[in-house]
Amino acid sequence: MITLNTSGDTLQLKMSGMLDFNISREMLRKYKIHTQQNKVSKMEVHLTQVTACSSSAIGALILLADKTAGELIVSLNQCNDEVHQLFDSGFLDRFLKIQHKPRSFYATASGATASLLAH
């Protein structure tokens, strides 16, 4: 599912569920329709509770980053472990600005907290 919001010249897309070819195509279509009528210089893509992310979705995100001259931020929130691993790998860092704490941060933080509480 994709919802679209705007804040000034920033386009915000919120997506959840499985990001497959059809969702990728819809994301690009919504961007095209919106930019025909509005100026967009920045874009935020919020992936909330995304269960899987196909290569077509990654390609669409990279294409949108190119269209916004690199002013695309991808934020992860409560996504599946595999989605976090994909974005944590570092491979996409040269194409996308990614905002999230790596899953390992949460595991380390909760482990440290449990260790402190045990003593």
Protein backbone atom coordinates (compact mmCIF):
# COMPACT_ATOMS: atom_id res chain seq x y z
CA MET A 1 0.00 0.00 0.00
CA ILE A 2 1.23 3.51 -0.83
CA THR A 3 0.04 6.81 0.61
CA LEU A 4 1.26 10.16 -0.63
CA ASN A 5 1.66 13.39 1.37
CA THR A 6 3.41 16.67 0.70
CA SER A 7 5.15 19.17 2.91
CA GLY A 8 6.31 22.21 0.96
CA ASP A 9 8.49 20.93 -1.87
CA THR A 10 8.98 17.56 -0.16
CA LEU A 11 7.04 14.57 -1.41
CA GLN A 12 6.45 11.86 1.19
CA LEU A 13 5.55 8.31 0.23
CA LYS A 14 4.57 5.86 2.96
CA MET A 15 4.64 2.23 1.97
CA SER A 16 3.87 -0.99 3.80
CA GLY A 17 3.52 -4.67 2.96
CA MET A 18 5.39 -6.32 0.12
CA LEU A 19 7.26 -4.02 -2.27
CA ASP A 20 7.02 -5.89 -5.54
CA PHE A 21 6.95 -4.97 -9.22
CA ASN A 22 3.34 -3.69 -9.12
CA ILE A 23 3.96 -1.48 -6.08
CA SER A 24 7.17 -0.18 -7.69
CA ARG A 25 5.28 0.75 -10.84
CA GLU A 26 2.57 2.46 -8.78
CA MET A 27 5.23 4.39 -6.82
CA LEU A 28 6.77 5.70 -10.06
CA ARG A 29 3.33 6.53 -11.49
CA LYS A 30 2.35 8.52 -8.38
CA TYR A 31 5.65 10.40 -8.52
CA LYS A 32 5.14 11.25 -12.20
CA ILE A 33 1.55 12.47 -11.72
CA HIS A 34 2.49 14.53 -8.67
CA THR A 35 5.52 16.17 -10.30
CA GLN A 36 3.54 17.16 -13.37
CA GLN A 37 1.54 19.51 -11.14
CA ASN A 38 3.94 20.28 -8.27
CA LYS A 39 7.58 21.17 -7.73
CA VAL A 40 9.46 18.46 -5.84
CA SER A 41 13.05 18.96 -4.76
CA LYS A 42 13.15 16.43 -1.92
CA MET A 43 11.54 13.09 -1.33
CA GLU A 44 11.05 10.90 1.71
CA VAL A 45 10.10 7.25 1.40
CA HIS A 46 8.91 5.73 4.65
CA LEU A 47 8.98 1.94 4.64
CA THR A 48 6.75 0.91 7.52
CA GLN A 49 6.25 -2.76 8.28
CA VAL A 50 7.59 -3.76 4.87
CA THR A 51 7.70 -7.55 4.66
CA ALA A 52 9.79 -7.94 1.49
CA CYS A 53 11.51 -5.76 -1.08
CA SER A 54 12.05 -6.91 -4.67
CA SER A 55 14.84 -5.81 -6.99
CA SER A 56 12.29 -3.77 -8.97
CA ALA A 57 11.49 -1.79 -5.80
CA ILE A 58 15.20 -1.11 -5.22
CA GLY A 59 15.53 -0.02 -8.84
CA ALA A 60 12.53 2.30 -8.51
CA LEU A 61 13.99 3.87 -5.36
CA ILE A 62 17.35 4.45 -7.11
CA LEU A 63 15.54 5.97 -10.11
CA LEU A 64 13.62 8.34 -7.82
CA ALA A 65 16.86 9.28 -6.04
CA ASP A 66 18.31 10.17 -9.44
CA LYS A 67 15.23 12.24 -10.36
CA THR A 68 15.53 14.21 -7.11
CA ALA A 69 19.29 14.75 -7.52
CA GLY A 70 20.04 12.51 -4.56
CA GLU A 71 17.57 14.24 -2.27
CA LEU A 72 15.70 11.04 -1.48
CA ILE A 73 15.69 9.70 2.06
CA VAL A 74 14.54 6.16 2.82
CA SER A 75 13.45 5.57 6.39
CA LEU A 76 12.81 2.12 7.85
CA ASN A 77 10.33 1.49 10.64
CA GLN A 78 9.43 -1.97 11.95
CA CYS A 79 10.39 -3.72 8.71
CA ASN A 80 11.09 -7.41 8.30
CA ASP A 81 14.62 -8.56 9.24
CA GLU A 82 15.45 -9.33 5.59
CA VAL A 83 14.51 -5.79 4.56
CA HIS A 84 16.75 -4.36 7.31
CA GLN A 85 19.59 -6.64 6.21
CA LEU A 86 19.26 -5.43 2.63
CA PHE A 87 19.50 -1.78 3.66
CA ASP A 88 22.11 -2.45 6.37
CA SER A 89 24.43 -4.17 3.88
CA GLY A 90 25.94 -0.84 2.79
CA PHE A 91 25.50 -1.71 -0.88
CA LEU A 92 22.73 0.86 -1.36
CA ASP A 93 24.45 3.65 0.61
CA ARG A 94 26.01 5.15 -2.49
CA PHE A 95 22.58 5.47 -4.12
CA LEU A 96 20.22 6.20 -1.23
CA LYS A 97 20.25 8.13 2.03
CA ILE A 98 18.99 5.65 4.59
CA GLN A 99 17.67 6.70 7.98
CA HIS A 100 17.37 3.97 10.55
CA LYS A 101 19.20 2.25 13.30
CA PRO A 102 20.56 -1.10 12.13
CA ARG A 103 18.76 -4.12 13.59
CA SER A 104 22.02 -5.06 15.31
CA PHE A 105 21.73 -1.82 17.32
CA TYR A 106 18.49 -3.03 18.86
CA ALA A 107 19.88 -6.50 19.62
CA THR A 108 23.03 -5.00 21.19
CA ALA A 109 21.09 -2.39 23.14
CA SER A 110 18.56 -4.88 24.50
CA GLY A 111 21.36 -7.34 25.34
CA ALA A 112 23.31 -4.62 27.16
CA THR A 113 20.17 -3.60 29.05
CA ALA A 114 19.46 -7.21 30.05
CA SER A 115 23.08 -7.60 31.18
CA LEU A 116 22.89 -4.43 33.28
CA LEU A 117 19.60 -5.49 34.85
CA ALA A 118 20.99 -8.93 35.74
CA HIS A 119 23.77 -7.39 37.91
